[in-house]
N, C-alpha and C. Protein backbone atom coordinates (compact mmCIF):
# COMPACT_ATOMS: atom_id res chain seq x y z
N MET A 1 138.77 72.48 -23.39
CA MET A 1 138.80 71.20 -23.95
C MET A 1 139.08 70.13 -22.77
N GLN A 2 140.19 70.41 -21.91
CA GLN A 2 140.59 69.52 -20.79
C GLN A 2 139.38 69.44 -19.85
N GLU A 3 138.73 70.55 -19.54
CA GLU A 3 137.65 70.52 -18.58
C GLU A 3 136.40 69.70 -19.17
N ARG A 4 136.13 69.70 -20.42
CA ARG A 4 135.09 68.87 -21.00
C ARG A 4 135.49 67.46 -21.00
N ARG A 5 136.69 67.07 -21.13
CA ARG A 5 137.33 65.81 -21.09
C ARG A 5 137.02 65.17 -19.55
N LYS A 6 137.36 65.83 -18.77
CA LYS A 6 137.13 65.42 -17.26
C LYS A 6 135.68 65.02 -17.07
N SER A 7 134.93 66.05 -17.41
CA SER A 7 133.49 65.84 -17.28
C SER A 7 133.04 64.46 -17.92
N THR A 8 133.45 64.29 -19.22
CA THR A 8 133.13 63.02 -19.88
C THR A 8 133.65 61.83 -19.18
N ASP A 9 134.92 61.99 -18.76
CA ASP A 9 135.52 60.94 -18.04
C ASP A 9 134.74 60.44 -16.73
N LYS A 10 134.34 61.59 -15.98
CA LYS A 10 133.53 61.38 -14.68
C LYS A 10 132.24 60.65 -15.00
N GLU A 11 131.56 61.12 -16.08
CA GLU A 11 130.33 60.51 -16.47
C GLU A 11 130.56 59.13 -16.85
N LEU A 12 131.49 58.79 -17.65
CA LEU A 12 131.77 57.48 -18.00
C LEU A 12 132.07 56.50 -16.80
N LEU A 13 132.83 57.09 -15.78
CA LEU A 13 133.05 56.29 -14.58
C LEU A 13 131.85 56.05 -13.83
N GLU A 14 131.01 57.09 -13.67
CA GLU A 14 129.66 56.82 -13.02
C GLU A 14 128.84 55.73 -13.77
N LEU A 15 128.81 55.78 -15.08
CA LEU A 15 127.96 54.76 -15.73
C LEU A 15 128.53 53.37 -15.45
N LEU A 16 129.86 53.27 -15.57
CA LEU A 16 130.48 51.95 -15.33
C LEU A 16 130.33 51.52 -13.96
N ILE A 17 130.39 52.31 -12.91
CA ILE A 17 130.34 51.96 -11.47
C ILE A 17 128.83 51.65 -11.28
N TYR A 18 127.93 52.23 -11.80
CA TYR A 18 126.50 52.08 -11.68
C TYR A 18 126.08 50.78 -11.87
N ASP A 19 126.72 50.00 -12.98
CA ASP A 19 126.55 48.66 -13.46
C ASP A 19 127.14 47.62 -12.60
N LEU A 20 128.03 47.97 -11.79
CA LEU A 20 128.70 46.87 -10.77
C LEU A 20 127.86 46.44 -9.74
N THR A 21 128.24 45.27 -9.23
CA THR A 21 127.43 44.86 -8.04
C THR A 21 127.74 45.72 -6.90
N ALA A 22 127.02 45.48 -5.81
CA ALA A 22 127.28 46.28 -4.57
C ALA A 22 128.63 45.81 -4.13
N GLU A 23 129.04 44.57 -4.20
CA GLU A 23 130.37 44.05 -3.71
C GLU A 23 131.48 44.73 -4.46
N GLU A 24 131.24 44.88 -5.86
CA GLU A 24 132.17 45.45 -6.76
C GLU A 24 132.34 47.01 -6.40
N GLN A 25 131.12 47.54 -6.09
CA GLN A 25 131.11 48.99 -5.88
C GLN A 25 131.89 49.33 -4.57
N ALA A 26 131.67 48.32 -3.45
CA ALA A 26 132.44 48.61 -2.32
C ALA A 26 133.96 48.45 -2.65
N ALA A 27 134.33 47.64 -3.50
CA ALA A 27 135.85 47.35 -3.81
C ALA A 27 136.32 48.76 -4.37
N VAL A 28 135.54 49.25 -5.24
CA VAL A 28 136.01 50.45 -5.98
C VAL A 28 136.02 51.57 -4.99
N LEU A 29 135.13 51.66 -4.00
CA LEU A 29 135.12 52.66 -2.92
C LEU A 29 136.27 52.53 -2.15
N GLU A 30 136.72 51.35 -1.72
CA GLU A 30 137.88 51.05 -0.98
C GLU A 30 139.24 51.64 -1.71
N VAL A 31 139.24 51.28 -3.00
CA VAL A 31 140.48 51.72 -3.86
C VAL A 31 140.49 53.27 -3.79
N MET A 32 139.31 53.90 -3.95
CA MET A 32 139.25 55.45 -4.04
C MET A 32 139.60 55.92 -2.58
N ARG A 33 139.14 55.31 -1.52
CA ARG A 33 139.48 55.81 -0.20
C ARG A 33 140.92 55.79 -0.08
N VAL A 34 141.63 54.70 -0.41
CA VAL A 34 143.12 54.62 -0.36
C VAL A 34 143.80 55.70 -1.19
N MET A 35 143.30 56.01 -2.37
CA MET A 35 143.85 56.90 -3.21
C MET A 35 143.80 58.32 -2.57
N VAL A 36 142.60 58.67 -2.10
CA VAL A 36 142.48 60.00 -1.48
C VAL A 36 143.27 60.12 -0.26
N ALA A 37 143.37 59.07 0.61
CA ALA A 37 144.15 59.18 1.83
C ALA A 37 145.61 59.40 1.50
N ASN A 38 146.18 58.62 0.47
CA ASN A 38 147.59 58.90 -0.01
C ASN A 38 147.74 60.05 -0.47
N ARG A 39 146.91 60.77 -1.29
CA ARG A 39 147.17 62.02 -1.88
C ARG A 39 147.13 63.12 -0.82
N SER A 40 146.31 63.14 0.17
CA SER A 40 146.26 64.17 1.14
C SER A 40 147.32 63.95 2.20
N ARG A 41 148.02 62.97 2.15
CA ARG A 41 149.11 62.74 3.23
C ARG A 41 150.35 63.46 2.77
N LYS A 42 150.71 64.58 3.38
CA LYS A 42 151.95 65.31 2.98
C LYS A 42 152.96 64.92 4.03
N HIS A 43 154.22 64.91 3.50
CA HIS A 43 155.26 64.69 4.40
C HIS A 43 156.35 65.82 4.31
N SER A 44 157.15 65.92 5.25
CA SER A 44 158.27 66.91 5.38
C SER A 44 159.51 66.26 5.41
N VAL A 45 160.52 66.74 4.79
CA VAL A 45 161.84 66.14 4.88
C VAL A 45 162.32 66.09 6.42
N ASN A 46 161.79 67.02 7.13
CA ASN A 46 162.19 67.17 8.47
C ASN A 46 161.72 65.96 9.35
N GLU A 47 160.86 65.16 8.88
CA GLU A 47 160.37 63.87 9.50
C GLU A 47 161.60 62.95 9.45
N LEU A 48 162.46 63.07 8.68
CA LEU A 48 163.72 62.05 8.55
C LEU A 48 164.71 62.38 9.41
N LYS A 49 164.75 63.54 10.21
CA LYS A 49 165.78 63.95 11.03
C LYS A 49 165.95 62.97 12.17
N GLY A 50 167.33 62.55 12.24
CA GLY A 50 167.80 61.45 13.18
C GLY A 50 167.48 60.07 12.83
N LEU A 51 166.85 60.01 11.64
CA LEU A 51 166.58 58.61 11.22
C LEU A 51 167.87 57.83 10.78
N GLY A 52 168.06 56.65 11.48
CA GLY A 52 169.42 55.98 11.20
C GLY A 52 170.64 56.38 11.89
N LYS A 53 170.52 57.24 12.82
CA LYS A 53 171.67 58.00 13.36
C LYS A 53 172.46 56.93 14.18
N GLU A 54 171.87 55.80 14.62
CA GLU A 54 172.60 54.87 15.41
C GLU A 54 173.66 54.04 14.78
N ILE A 55 173.47 54.08 13.38
CA ILE A 55 174.51 53.29 12.61
C ILE A 55 175.90 54.09 12.53
N TRP A 56 175.86 55.44 12.95
CA TRP A 56 177.23 56.11 13.04
C TRP A 56 177.67 56.21 14.38
N ASP A 57 177.02 55.49 15.36
CA ASP A 57 177.63 55.52 16.70
C ASP A 57 179.00 54.92 16.77
N GLY A 58 180.00 55.58 17.32
CA GLY A 58 181.32 55.02 17.45
C GLY A 58 182.22 55.23 16.18
N ILE A 59 181.60 55.94 15.17
CA ILE A 59 182.44 56.25 14.00
C ILE A 59 182.70 57.82 13.89
N ASP A 60 184.08 58.01 13.77
CA ASP A 60 184.62 59.34 13.66
C ASP A 60 184.21 59.78 12.12
N ALA A 61 183.58 60.79 12.13
CA ALA A 61 183.22 61.45 10.85
C ALA A 61 184.35 61.77 9.87
N GLN A 62 185.31 62.31 10.51
CA GLN A 62 186.68 62.75 9.71
C GLN A 62 187.50 61.57 9.27
N GLU A 63 187.53 60.58 10.20
CA GLU A 63 188.27 59.34 9.73
C GLU A 63 187.41 58.69 8.63
N TYR A 64 186.18 58.73 8.72
CA TYR A 64 185.37 57.96 7.71
C TYR A 64 185.64 58.68 6.30
N VAL A 65 185.37 60.05 6.35
CA VAL A 65 185.72 60.79 5.10
C VAL A 65 187.13 60.55 4.53
N ASP A 66 188.21 60.64 5.42
CA ASP A 66 189.59 60.42 5.00
C ASP A 66 189.80 59.03 4.34
N GLU A 67 189.02 57.95 4.86
CA GLU A 67 189.16 56.59 4.42
C GLU A 67 188.39 56.46 3.02
N LEU A 68 187.29 57.16 2.82
CA LEU A 68 186.57 57.29 1.53
C LEU A 68 187.52 57.96 0.43
N ARG A 69 188.08 59.15 0.85
CA ARG A 69 188.91 59.73 -0.13
C ARG A 69 190.23 59.04 -0.48
N GLY A 70 190.73 58.22 0.38
CA GLY A 70 191.97 57.39 0.02
C GLY A 70 193.16 58.26 0.08
N PRO A 71 194.23 57.63 -0.33
CA PRO A 71 195.48 58.27 -0.33
C PRO A 71 195.75 59.38 -1.32
N LYS A 72 194.80 59.42 -2.37
CA LYS A 72 195.07 60.40 -3.40
C LYS A 72 194.75 61.83 -2.83
N CYS A 73 193.88 61.92 -1.86
CA CYS A 73 193.42 63.26 -1.36
C CYS A 73 194.16 63.62 -0.11
N SER A 74 195.06 62.83 0.39
CA SER A 74 195.68 63.14 1.78
C SER A 74 196.89 64.07 1.53
């Protein structure tokens, strides 16, 4: 059933796009190009390694944690 619907949706899109002007078809093509580019772009969490590390310069990690915990945890 799902496969049949996909086929029907594709056919409907083709019919709708066929009736567009060349300029409108070009706009649809650009939207699709961006969608495909964004889908195929995979990222890794490893790309974030070191990002923002400069904001911690000069800050002692243990002192920071102790300050967050406050007097209740000391």
